[in-house]
Amino acid sequence: MSNFIIQALRGEDITIYGDGNQTRSFCYVDDLIDGLISMMNSPNELTGPVNLGNPHEFSIMELAGKVIELTGSKSAIVKKPLPEDDPIQRQPT
């Protein structure tokens, strides 16, 4: 996300790897920390794994479009080959 924002603010092309349909989930750091603290304070009977995060996904293409919209940038979206190890989906379940 930070690369998109920097590219948009500089008026540079926004680089997307692959077709942009891969998804990511984002959460506020404060919410994640609260979740970790709650998990550490939970009863001993609670065992993992525990997924913390936001279950709502955004495609990389949606994210790039939103960054362009919110920054008022004239940046174009440029697609480059998807790295082999790039996951198609990242979502806590």
N, C-alpha and C. Protein backbone atom coordinates (compact mmCIF):
# COMPACT_ATOMS: atom_id res chain seq x y z
N MET A 1 0.82 -1.18 0.00
CA MET A 1 0.00 0.00 0.00
C MET A 1 0.87 1.26 0.00
N SER A 2 1.92 1.24 0.79
CA SER A 2 2.76 2.44 0.86
C SER A 2 3.41 2.75 -0.50
N ASN A 3 3.80 1.72 -1.25
CA ASN A 3 4.37 1.97 -2.58
C ASN A 3 3.36 2.65 -3.48
N PHE A 4 2.10 2.21 -3.44
CA PHE A 4 1.05 2.84 -4.26
C PHE A 4 0.90 4.31 -3.89
N ILE A 5 0.87 4.59 -2.62
CA ILE A 5 0.67 5.97 -2.16
C ILE A 5 1.83 6.85 -2.60
N ILE A 6 3.05 6.38 -2.41
CA ILE A 6 4.22 7.16 -2.81
C ILE A 6 4.21 7.40 -4.31
N GLN A 7 3.95 6.33 -5.10
CA GLN A 7 3.92 6.49 -6.55
C GLN A 7 2.84 7.49 -6.97
N ALA A 8 1.66 7.41 -6.35
CA ALA A 8 0.56 8.32 -6.70
C ALA A 8 0.91 9.76 -6.35
N LEU A 9 1.47 9.99 -5.17
CA LEU A 9 1.82 11.35 -4.76
C LEU A 9 2.91 11.96 -5.63
N ARG A 10 3.77 11.12 -6.16
CA ARG A 10 4.83 11.60 -7.06
C ARG A 10 4.36 11.71 -8.51
N GLY A 11 3.13 11.25 -8.79
CA GLY A 11 2.62 11.28 -10.15
C GLY A 11 3.22 10.20 -11.04
N GLU A 12 3.84 9.21 -10.42
CA GLU A 12 4.44 8.10 -11.15
C GLU A 12 3.39 7.04 -11.45
N ASP A 13 3.69 6.17 -12.42
CA ASP A 13 2.81 5.03 -12.68
C ASP A 13 2.75 4.15 -11.45
N ILE A 14 1.57 3.60 -11.20
CA ILE A 14 1.40 2.66 -10.09
C ILE A 14 1.61 1.26 -10.64
N THR A 15 2.54 0.55 -10.03
CA THR A 15 2.93 -0.78 -10.49
C THR A 15 2.10 -1.86 -9.81
N ILE A 16 1.44 -2.67 -10.65
CA ILE A 16 0.69 -3.82 -10.17
C ILE A 16 1.34 -5.06 -10.75
N TYR A 17 1.55 -6.06 -9.94
CA TYR A 17 2.13 -7.31 -10.41
C TYR A 17 1.01 -8.31 -10.65
N GLY A 18 1.02 -8.89 -11.83
CA GLY A 18 -0.05 -9.81 -12.23
C GLY A 18 -1.22 -9.03 -12.78
N ASP A 19 -2.42 -9.65 -12.73
CA ASP A 19 -3.61 -9.01 -13.29
C ASP A 19 -4.32 -8.09 -12.32
N GLY A 20 -3.87 -8.06 -11.07
CA GLY A 20 -4.48 -7.20 -10.06
C GLY A 20 -5.66 -7.82 -9.35
N ASN A 21 -5.99 -9.06 -9.69
CA ASN A 21 -7.12 -9.72 -9.04
C ASN A 21 -6.75 -10.40 -7.73
N GLN A 22 -5.45 -10.51 -7.44
CA GLN A 22 -5.06 -11.09 -6.16
C GLN A 22 -5.56 -10.18 -5.03
N THR A 23 -5.88 -10.77 -3.90
CA THR A 23 -6.52 -10.00 -2.83
C THR A 23 -5.63 -9.89 -1.60
N ARG A 24 -5.92 -8.86 -0.82
CA ARG A 24 -5.25 -8.63 0.45
C ARG A 24 -6.29 -8.14 1.46
N SER A 25 -6.00 -8.36 2.72
CA SER A 25 -6.84 -7.85 3.80
C SER A 25 -5.98 -6.91 4.63
N PHE A 26 -6.56 -5.82 5.06
CA PHE A 26 -5.83 -4.83 5.84
C PHE A 26 -6.53 -4.61 7.17
N CYS A 27 -5.76 -4.32 8.21
CA CYS A 27 -6.37 -3.99 9.49
C CYS A 27 -5.53 -2.91 10.16
N TYR A 28 -6.15 -2.23 11.09
CA TYR A 28 -5.44 -1.21 11.85
C TYR A 28 -4.49 -1.88 12.83
N VAL A 29 -3.30 -1.34 12.98
CA VAL A 29 -2.31 -1.89 13.89
C VAL A 29 -2.88 -1.94 15.31
N ASP A 30 -3.59 -0.87 15.71
CA ASP A 30 -4.17 -0.84 17.06
C ASP A 30 -5.12 -2.01 17.28
N ASP A 31 -5.91 -2.36 16.26
CA ASP A 31 -6.84 -3.49 16.38
C ASP A 31 -6.08 -4.80 16.51
N LEU A 32 -5.01 -4.95 15.75
CA LEU A 32 -4.20 -6.16 15.83
C LEU A 32 -3.56 -6.30 17.20
N ILE A 33 -3.04 -5.21 17.73
CA ILE A 33 -2.43 -5.23 19.06
C ILE A 33 -3.47 -5.59 20.12
N ASP A 34 -4.67 -5.00 20.03
CA ASP A 34 -5.74 -5.34 20.97
C ASP A 34 -6.05 -6.83 20.90
N GLY A 35 -6.09 -7.39 19.68
CA GLY A 35 -6.35 -8.82 19.51
C GLY A 35 -5.26 -9.67 20.14
N LEU A 36 -4.01 -9.27 19.96
CA LEU A 36 -2.90 -10.02 20.56
C LEU A 36 -2.95 -9.99 22.08
N ILE A 37 -3.25 -8.82 22.62
CA ILE A 37 -3.35 -8.70 24.08
C ILE A 37 -4.50 -9.55 24.60
N SER A 38 -5.64 -9.52 23.91
CA SER A 38 -6.78 -10.35 24.32
C SER A 38 -6.42 -11.83 24.27
N MET A 39 -5.71 -12.22 23.24
CA MET A 39 -5.31 -13.62 23.12
C MET A 39 -4.35 -14.01 24.26
N MET A 40 -3.42 -13.13 24.60
CA MET A 40 -2.49 -13.43 25.69
C MET A 40 -3.19 -13.50 27.04
N ASN A 41 -4.29 -12.76 27.19
CA ASN A 41 -5.04 -12.76 28.45
C ASN A 41 -6.15 -13.80 28.47
N SER A 42 -6.23 -14.63 27.45
CA SER A 42 -7.31 -15.63 27.38
C SER A 42 -7.00 -16.81 28.30
N PRO A 43 -8.02 -17.61 28.61
CA PRO A 43 -7.81 -18.79 29.46
C PRO A 43 -6.81 -19.76 28.82
N ASN A 44 -6.13 -20.53 29.65
CA ASN A 44 -5.13 -21.48 29.17
C ASN A 44 -5.73 -22.52 28.23
N GLU A 45 -7.03 -22.74 28.32
CA GLU A 45 -7.68 -23.75 27.48
C GLU A 45 -7.71 -23.33 26.01
N LEU A 46 -7.58 -22.04 25.76
CA LEU A 46 -7.58 -21.56 24.38
C LEU A 46 -6.24 -21.90 23.74
N THR A 47 -6.32 -22.68 22.69
CA THR A 47 -5.10 -23.02 21.96
C THR A 47 -5.24 -22.55 20.52
N GLY A 48 -4.15 -22.43 19.84
CA GLY A 48 -4.15 -21.89 18.48
C GLY A 48 -4.42 -22.94 17.45
N PRO A 49 -4.31 -22.56 16.23
CA PRO A 49 -3.96 -21.21 15.80
C PRO A 49 -5.14 -20.26 15.88
N VAL A 50 -4.84 -18.99 16.02
CA VAL A 50 -5.85 -17.94 16.05
C VAL A 50 -5.48 -16.95 14.95
N ASN A 51 -6.39 -16.72 14.04
CA ASN A 51 -6.14 -15.76 12.97
C ASN A 51 -6.66 -14.39 13.40
N LEU A 52 -5.79 -13.42 13.36
CA LEU A 52 -6.16 -12.05 13.70
C LEU A 52 -6.08 -11.21 12.43
N GLY A 53 -7.04 -10.37 12.23
CA GLY A 53 -7.01 -9.50 11.07
C GLY A 53 -8.41 -9.21 10.57
N ASN A 54 -8.47 -8.66 9.40
CA ASN A 54 -9.72 -8.24 8.78
C ASN A 54 -10.16 -9.29 7.76
N PRO A 55 -11.36 -9.85 7.87
CA PRO A 55 -11.80 -10.87 6.93
C PRO A 55 -12.25 -10.29 5.58
N HIS A 56 -12.31 -8.97 5.44
CA HIS A 56 -12.76 -8.36 4.19
C HIS A 56 -11.58 -8.16 3.25
N GLU A 57 -11.72 -8.63 2.03
CA GLU A 57 -10.63 -8.57 1.07
C GLU A 57 -10.84 -7.45 0.06
N PHE A 58 -9.72 -6.95 -0.45
CA PHE A 58 -9.71 -5.98 -1.54
C PHE A 58 -8.76 -6.51 -2.60
N SER A 59 -9.13 -6.37 -3.86
CA SER A 59 -8.19 -6.74 -4.91
C SER A 59 -7.12 -5.65 -5.00
N ILE A 60 -5.98 -6.04 -5.49
CA ILE A 60 -4.89 -5.08 -5.66
C ILE A 60 -5.32 -3.97 -6.63
N MET A 61 -6.09 -4.34 -7.64
CA MET A 61 -6.59 -3.34 -8.60
C MET A 61 -7.53 -2.35 -7.91
N GLU A 62 -8.41 -2.84 -7.02
CA GLU A 62 -9.29 -1.94 -6.27
C GLU A 62 -8.48 -0.99 -5.41
N LEU A 63 -7.46 -1.53 -4.75
CA LEU A 63 -6.61 -0.71 -3.89
C LEU A 63 -5.91 0.39 -4.69
N ALA A 64 -5.35 0.03 -5.82
CA ALA A 64 -4.67 1.03 -6.64
C ALA A 64 -5.64 2.12 -7.09
N GLY A 65 -6.84 1.73 -7.50
CA GLY A 65 -7.84 2.70 -7.92
C GLY A 65 -8.24 3.63 -6.79
N LYS A 66 -8.39 3.07 -5.59
CA LYS A 66 -8.76 3.89 -4.42
C LYS A 66 -7.65 4.88 -4.07
N VAL A 67 -6.40 4.44 -4.16
CA VAL A 67 -5.27 5.34 -3.88
C VAL A 67 -5.24 6.49 -4.88
N ILE A 68 -5.45 6.18 -6.16
CA ILE A 68 -5.48 7.23 -7.18
C ILE A 68 -6.61 8.20 -6.90
N GLU A 69 -7.78 7.67 -6.56
CA GLU A 69 -8.95 8.52 -6.27
C GLU A 69 -8.70 9.42 -5.07
N LEU A 70 -8.21 8.86 -3.99
CA LEU A 70 -8.04 9.63 -2.75
C LEU A 70 -6.90 10.64 -2.81
N THR A 71 -5.89 10.37 -3.63
CA THR A 71 -4.78 11.31 -3.74
C THR A 71 -5.01 12.33 -4.86
N GLY A 72 -6.02 12.08 -5.70
CA GLY A 72 -6.26 12.97 -6.83
C GLY A 72 -5.17 12.87 -7.89
N SER A 73 -4.47 11.75 -7.90
CA SER A 73 -3.35 11.56 -8.80
C SER A 73 -3.81 11.28 -10.23
N LYS A 74 -2.95 11.60 -11.17
CA LYS A 74 -3.17 11.27 -12.58
C LYS A 74 -2.36 10.03 -12.98
N SER A 75 -1.86 9.30 -11.98
CA SER A 75 -1.03 8.13 -12.24
C SER A 75 -1.78 7.09 -13.06
N ALA A 76 -1.04 6.43 -13.93
CA ALA A 76 -1.58 5.29 -14.68
C ALA A 76 -1.23 4.02 -13.92
N ILE A 77 -1.99 2.97 -14.18
CA ILE A 77 -1.70 1.67 -13.58
C ILE A 77 -0.96 0.83 -14.62
N VAL A 78 0.21 0.33 -14.23
CA VAL A 78 1.04 -0.47 -15.12
C VAL A 78 1.16 -1.87 -14.53
N LYS A 79 0.89 -2.87 -15.37
CA LYS A 79 0.97 -4.27 -14.92
C LYS A 79 2.31 -4.87 -15.32
N LYS A 80 2.90 -5.59 -14.37
CA LYS A 80 4.15 -6.31 -14.61
C LYS A 80 3.92 -7.77 -14.23
N PRO A 81 4.80 -8.67 -14.66
CA PRO A 81 4.61 -10.09 -14.36
C PRO A 81 4.53 -10.36 -12.85
N LEU A 82 3.65 -11.28 -12.50
CA LEU A 82 3.47 -11.67 -11.10
C LEU A 82 4.63 -12.54 -10.65
N PRO A 83 5.30 -12.19 -9.55
CA PRO A 83 6.37 -13.05 -9.03
C PRO A 83 5.81 -14.43 -8.68
N GLU A 84 6.61 -15.46 -8.84
CA GLU A 84 6.17 -16.83 -8.59
C GLU A 84 5.67 -17.05 -7.17
N ASP A 85 6.28 -16.39 -6.20
CA ASP A 85 5.93 -16.64 -4.80
C ASP A 85 4.86 -15.69 -4.26
N ASP A 86 4.25 -14.89 -5.12
CA ASP A 86 3.23 -13.94 -4.68
C ASP A 86 1.90 -14.68 -4.48
N PRO A 87 1.35 -14.63 -3.26
CA PRO A 87 0.09 -15.35 -3.02
C PRO A 87 -1.09 -14.68 -3.72
N ILE A 88 -2.04 -15.49 -4.16
CA ILE A 88 -3.24 -14.99 -4.83
C ILE A 88 -4.20 -14.38 -3.79
N GLN A 89 -4.19 -14.93 -2.59
CA GLN A 89 -5.12 -14.47 -1.56
C GLN A 89 -4.40 -14.42 -0.22
N ARG A 90 -4.63 -13.34 0.50
CA ARG A 90 -4.16 -13.20 1.89
C ARG A 90 -5.34 -12.71 2.71
N GLN A 91 -5.89 -13.62 3.49
CA GLN A 91 -7.04 -13.27 4.30
C GLN A 91 -7.07 -14.15 5.53
N PRO A 92 -7.19 -13.55 6.70
CA PRO A 92 -7.34 -14.38 7.90
C PRO A 92 -8.72 -15.07 7.87
N THR A 93 -8.74 -16.34 8.21
CA THR A 93 -10.01 -17.07 8.22
C THR A 93 -10.30 -17.64 9.58
